[in-house]
Amino acid sequence: MSEAAVEEVSVLSAIYCGEGEFRLLQQSVQDGLLVQINTTVPGERGLNLSLLFHLHPQYPSCPPDISVSSTAFSRSQCHSIRQRLLDRAAALPPEPMVHQLVDWLQQSEEVTEGCRGAEEEVKDRDGEERWTAVLSLDHIRSRSRYIGLLERWSQQLQLPGRLLLGQSILVILQGARADIKEFCRLLKTVKVDVDSSGKKCKERMMKVLIETPSHSSCGHGLQRFVVKDYQSSAELTAVFQELHMTELYQQILPSLSD
């Protein structure tokens, strides 16, 4: 990765120094840098956006890849904002540009105008049936890379959940069924981990243990994607109890005993 990119990340961490504003999710020579910036766009009320910038090893010679997620906007609105940012990035000279893009987004009347009606669209989205799924992963060797990708996809697809790391590796997801299926597709088609020889590999052994419509009381507290380690079956049971998913846990228990 370029020195300019590393220096830019250092500057960004100083600029966006408020609680939860900035996170460096990934840093590697092969894959570059993955930066998360949480911000708001202007309007009658501040509307929160989470921006992910993937700074490739060639950056800033090539523009960053950008993802946009928000609980205040629909997926189509997030896609529209992302496209505007990508178009803006493509028009800028090949130099560090993340702060410039965020600043432009915060002040852009075009983006603000395009985001009007967000509350109405969110209401429509909230009317969609929510599903809960529990996935089983085979192993996680490259922990930072693997977890970084899972967090990124959960934000992109607006799927709150849990990654439970212990004797069994489980992923709990809640959201639209189509988004859960897309999450599973990404797991099987993207190289998320490394094999025993250190080569990048896909998650071919992922299993969907259960996929079911969510009950109103199911998934209490699932507002974001959280990573949690557990040491015993009792601790794992307690996690599902806290989420009001005891019945669901009992259904998948035989699969965990195999």
Protein backbone atom coordinates (compact mmCIF):
# COMPACT_ATOMS: atom_id res chain seq x y z
CA MET A 1 0.00 0.00 0.00
CA SER A 2 1.17 3.54 -0.66
CA GLU A 3 2.64 5.84 1.97
CA ALA A 4 0.07 8.43 0.91
CA ALA A 5 -2.77 6.09 1.87
CA VAL A 6 -1.26 5.26 5.26
CA GLU A 7 -0.66 8.94 5.95
CA GLU A 8 -4.21 9.80 4.89
CA VAL A 9 -5.67 7.25 7.31
CA SER A 10 -3.66 8.81 10.13
CA VAL A 11 -5.04 12.24 9.22
CA LEU A 12 -8.61 10.89 8.97
CA SER A 13 -8.40 9.38 12.46
CA ALA A 14 -7.49 12.84 13.77
CA ILE A 15 -10.27 14.62 11.86
CA TYR A 16 -13.03 12.15 12.71
CA CYS A 17 -12.10 11.76 16.35
CA GLY A 18 -15.58 11.70 17.87
CA GLU A 19 -16.87 8.55 19.52
CA GLY A 20 -17.69 5.97 16.85
CA GLU A 21 -16.81 8.30 13.96
CA PHE A 22 -13.76 6.47 12.61
CA ARG A 23 -12.58 2.85 12.43
CA LEU A 24 -9.71 1.21 10.57
CA LEU A 25 -11.19 -2.22 9.82
CA GLN A 26 -8.41 -3.71 7.74
CA GLN A 27 -4.81 -3.01 6.81
CA SER A 28 -2.72 -5.37 4.69
CA VAL A 29 -0.15 -5.17 1.91
CA GLN A 30 -2.21 -7.45 -0.34
CA ASP A 31 -5.69 -5.98 0.17
CA GLY A 32 -4.99 -2.39 1.16
CA LEU A 33 -6.98 -0.46 3.77
CA LEU A 34 -10.63 -0.62 4.81
CA VAL A 35 -11.84 2.52 6.59
CA GLN A 36 -15.25 3.18 8.14
CA ILE A 37 -16.48 6.74 8.73
CA ASN A 38 -19.84 7.44 10.36
CA THR A 39 -21.33 10.81 9.48
CA THR A 40 -24.60 12.66 8.91
CA VAL A 41 -26.15 14.49 5.97
CA PRO A 42 -27.94 17.84 6.46
CA GLY A 43 -31.68 18.22 6.62
CA GLU A 44 -34.46 18.89 9.07
CA ARG A 45 -32.77 16.31 11.24
CA GLY A 46 -29.36 14.73 10.96
CA LEU A 47 -29.58 11.46 9.04
CA ASN A 48 -26.81 9.02 9.88
CA LEU A 49 -24.72 7.30 7.25
CA SER A 50 -21.99 4.70 7.58
CA LEU A 51 -19.37 4.94 4.82
CA LEU A 52 -16.84 2.23 4.01
CA PHE A 53 -13.84 3.17 1.89
CA HIS A 54 -11.71 0.36 0.49
CA LEU A 55 -8.35 1.87 -0.40
CA HIS A 56 -6.76 -0.60 -2.80
CA PRO A 57 -2.97 -1.12 -2.76
CA GLN A 58 -2.78 1.12 -5.87
CA TYR A 59 -4.72 3.95 -4.18
CA PRO A 60 -4.66 6.91 -4.77
CA SER A 61 -3.70 6.08 -8.36
CA CYS A 62 -7.17 4.50 -8.55
CA PRO A 63 -10.24 5.78 -6.68
CA PRO A 64 -11.50 3.90 -3.61
CA ASP A 65 -14.36 1.43 -3.62
CA ILE A 66 -17.20 2.82 -1.50
CA SER A 67 -20.09 1.25 0.38
CA VAL A 68 -22.95 3.14 2.04
CA SER A 69 -25.31 1.85 4.70
CA SER A 70 -27.83 3.47 7.01
CA THR A 71 -30.84 2.65 9.15
CA ALA A 72 -32.31 6.02 8.10
CA PHE A 73 -32.35 5.31 4.36
CA SER A 74 -33.62 2.54 2.13
CA ARG A 75 -31.22 0.34 0.16
CA SER A 76 -32.08 2.21 -3.05
CA GLN A 77 -31.24 5.54 -1.42
CA CYS A 78 -27.95 4.17 -0.09
CA HIS A 79 -27.16 2.91 -3.58
CA SER A 80 -27.93 6.35 -5.02
CA ILE A 81 -25.62 8.06 -2.51
CA ARG A 82 -22.90 5.51 -3.21
CA GLN A 83 -23.14 6.12 -6.94
CA ARG A 84 -22.85 9.87 -6.46
CA LEU A 85 -19.75 9.37 -4.32
CA LEU A 86 -18.21 7.02 -6.90
CA ASP A 87 -18.90 9.50 -9.68
CA ARG A 88 -17.38 12.28 -7.61
CA ALA A 89 -14.31 10.15 -6.82
CA ALA A 90 -13.82 9.31 -10.51
CA ALA A 91 -13.81 13.02 -11.37
CA LEU A 92 -11.15 13.94 -8.81
CA PRO A 93 -7.40 13.89 -9.51
CA PRO A 94 -5.47 10.77 -8.36
CA GLU A 95 -4.57 11.99 -4.87
CA PRO A 96 -5.88 11.28 -1.34
CA MET A 97 -9.58 12.11 -1.46
CA VAL A 98 -11.54 10.44 1.37
CA HIS A 99 -11.94 13.57 3.50
CA GLN A 100 -12.83 15.57 0.39
CA LEU A 101 -15.55 13.04 -0.49
CA VAL A 102 -17.04 13.02 3.01
CA ASP A 103 -16.95 16.82 3.16
CA TRP A 104 -18.65 17.03 -0.24
CA LEU A 105 -21.34 14.60 0.89
CA GLN A 106 -22.07 16.61 4.03
CA GLN A 107 -22.51 19.82 2.04
CA SER A 108 -24.07 18.52 -1.17
CA GLU A 109 -27.54 19.96 -1.80
CA GLU A 110 -27.90 17.43 -4.60
CA VAL A 111 -27.49 14.53 -2.18
CA THR A 112 -29.78 16.14 0.40
CA GLU A 113 -32.44 16.73 -2.24
CA GLY A 114 -32.15 13.16 -3.46
CA CYS A 115 -32.60 11.85 0.08
CA ARG A 116 -35.90 13.59 0.79
CA GLY A 117 -38.67 11.16 1.54
CA ALA A 118 -36.31 8.83 3.41
CA GLU A 119 -38.71 8.42 6.32
CA GLU A 120 -41.54 7.32 4.02
CA GLU A 121 -39.36 4.78 2.27
CA VAL A 122 -38.11 3.44 5.60
CA LYS A 123 -41.71 2.95 6.70
CA ASP A 124 -42.34 0.92 3.55
CA ARG A 125 -39.21 -1.12 4.21
CA ASP A 126 -40.23 -1.75 7.82
CA GLY A 127 -43.39 -3.37 6.50
CA GLU A 128 -41.35 -6.14 4.88
CA GLU A 129 -41.33 -9.50 6.64
CA ARG A 130 -38.18 -10.01 8.66
CA TRP A 131 -36.37 -13.32 8.76
CA THR A 132 -33.87 -14.80 11.18
CA ALA A 133 -31.12 -17.15 10.06
CA VAL A 134 -28.34 -18.99 11.86
CA LEU A 135 -25.28 -20.00 9.82
CA SER A 136 -22.46 -22.33 10.78
CA LEU A 137 -18.91 -21.58 9.61
CA ASP A 138 -16.18 -24.18 9.34
CA HIS A 139 -13.20 -22.16 10.58
CA ILE A 140 -11.71 -18.68 10.80
CA ARG A 141 -7.94 -18.57 10.40
CA SER A 142 -7.42 -15.00 9.16
CA ARG A 143 -9.52 -13.46 11.92
CA SER A 144 -9.14 -9.75 11.10
CA ARG A 145 -9.81 -10.21 7.36
CA TYR A 146 -12.73 -12.61 7.82
CA ILE A 147 -14.48 -10.60 10.52
CA GLY A 148 -13.88 -7.35 8.65
CA LEU A 149 -15.68 -8.74 5.59
CA LEU A 150 -18.60 -10.08 7.64
CA GLU A 151 -19.03 -6.68 9.32
CA ARG A 152 -18.85 -4.95 5.96
CA TRP A 153 -21.51 -7.18 4.37
CA SER A 154 -23.83 -6.89 7.37
CA GLN A 155 -23.69 -3.09 7.03
CA GLN A 156 -24.12 -3.11 3.27
CA LEU A 157 -27.13 -5.44 3.47
CA GLN A 158 -28.53 -3.88 6.67
CA LEU A 159 -28.43 -7.21 8.52
CA PRO A 160 -27.88 -6.83 12.28
CA GLY A 161 -26.68 -9.96 14.00
CA ARG A 162 -24.04 -11.78 16.01
CA LEU A 163 -20.83 -13.60 15.16
CA LEU A 164 -20.29 -16.16 17.93
CA LEU A 165 -16.77 -17.55 18.18
CA GLY A 166 -16.17 -20.72 20.17
CA GLN A 167 -16.29 -24.47 19.69
CA SER A 168 -18.88 -23.81 16.99
CA ILE A 169 -18.67 -20.66 14.86
CA LEU A 170 -22.16 -19.27 14.36
CA VAL A 171 -23.57 -16.24 12.56
CA ILE A 172 -27.02 -14.95 13.53
CA LEU A 173 -28.61 -12.63 10.99
CA GLN A 174 -31.91 -10.80 10.93
CA GLY A 175 -33.48 -8.87 8.05
CA ALA A 176 -35.03 -9.28 4.62
CA ARG A 177 -34.80 -12.84 3.32
CA ALA A 178 -33.29 -11.72 0.01
CA ASP A 179 -30.50 -9.91 1.88
CA ILE A 180 -29.76 -12.98 4.00
CA LYS A 181 -29.46 -15.05 0.82
CA GLU A 182 -27.10 -12.46 -0.66
CA PHE A 183 -24.96 -12.65 2.50
CA CYS A 184 -24.75 -16.44 2.08
CA ARG A 185 -23.87 -16.06 -1.61
CA LEU A 186 -21.02 -13.72 -0.75
CA LEU A 187 -19.71 -16.17 1.83
CA LYS A 188 -19.46 -18.91 -0.78
CA THR A 189 -18.11 -16.84 -3.67
CA VAL A 190 -15.64 -14.41 -2.05
CA LYS A 191 -12.26 -15.49 -0.67
CA VAL A 192 -12.85 -14.66 2.96
CA ASP A 193 -10.19 -16.73 4.73
CA VAL A 194 -6.94 -18.65 4.22
CA ASP A 195 -6.46 -22.41 4.10
CA SER A 196 -3.89 -24.45 6.05
CA SER A 197 -1.18 -23.49 3.56
CA GLY A 198 -1.94 -19.76 3.88
CA LYS A 199 -3.66 -19.36 0.51
CA LYS A 200 -6.86 -17.32 0.29
CA CYS A 201 -9.96 -19.51 0.20
CA LYS A 202 -13.75 -19.35 0.07
CA GLU A 203 -16.16 -20.51 2.79
CA ARG A 204 -17.32 -23.68 1.05
CA MET A 205 -18.34 -25.44 4.28
CA MET A 206 -20.86 -22.82 5.42
CA LYS A 207 -24.22 -24.32 6.42
CA VAL A 208 -27.57 -22.66 6.99
CA LEU A 209 -28.75 -24.29 10.22
CA ILE A 210 -32.11 -22.54 10.25
CA GLU A 211 -33.96 -19.83 8.32
CA THR A 212 -37.35 -18.75 9.61
CA PRO A 213 -39.69 -15.74 9.74
CA SER A 214 -38.96 -13.65 12.82
CA HIS A 215 -41.47 -13.42 15.63
CA SER A 216 -42.07 -9.99 17.11
CA SER A 217 -40.24 -10.95 20.31
CA CYS A 218 -37.38 -12.68 18.50
CA GLY A 219 -34.06 -10.94 18.13
CA HIS A 220 -34.40 -8.40 20.95
CA GLY A 221 -31.33 -6.18 20.89
CA LEU A 222 -30.29 -6.97 17.31
CA GLN A 223 -29.52 -3.42 16.24
CA ARG A 224 -26.04 -3.97 14.78
CA PHE A 225 -23.52 -6.69 14.00
CA VAL A 226 -21.60 -7.72 17.12
CA VAL A 227 -18.68 -10.14 17.49
CA LYS A 228 -18.71 -12.21 20.68
CA ASP A 229 -16.41 -14.96 21.98
CA TYR A 230 -17.83 -17.72 24.17
CA GLN A 231 -16.03 -20.40 26.16
CA SER A 232 -18.72 -22.97 26.99
CA SER A 233 -22.09 -24.30 25.91
CA ALA A 234 -23.61 -22.50 28.90
CA GLU A 235 -22.30 -19.16 27.60
CA LEU A 236 -23.62 -19.93 24.12
CA THR A 237 -27.03 -20.78 25.58
CA ALA A 238 -27.00 -17.49 27.50
CA VAL A 239 -26.43 -15.52 24.28
CA PHE A 240 -29.54 -16.99 22.67
CA GLN A 241 -31.51 -16.41 25.88
CA GLU A 242 -30.52 -12.74 25.93
CA LEU A 243 -31.74 -12.42 22.34
CA HIS A 244 -35.03 -14.17 23.14
CA MET A 245 -34.06 -16.96 20.72
CA THR A 246 -34.15 -19.93 23.12
CA GLU A 247 -36.63 -21.85 20.98
CA LEU A 248 -34.54 -21.27 17.88
CA TYR A 249 -31.40 -22.43 19.73
CA GLN A 250 -33.11 -25.65 20.74
CA GLN A 251 -33.92 -26.31 17.09
CA ILE A 252 -30.31 -25.96 15.94
CA LEU A 253 -28.78 -27.75 18.95
CA PRO A 254 -28.81 -31.23 17.32
CA SER A 255 -26.79 -29.80 14.40
CA LEU A 256 -24.15 -28.49 16.81
CA SER A 257 -23.77 -31.90 18.38
CA ASP A 258 -22.91 -33.65 15.11
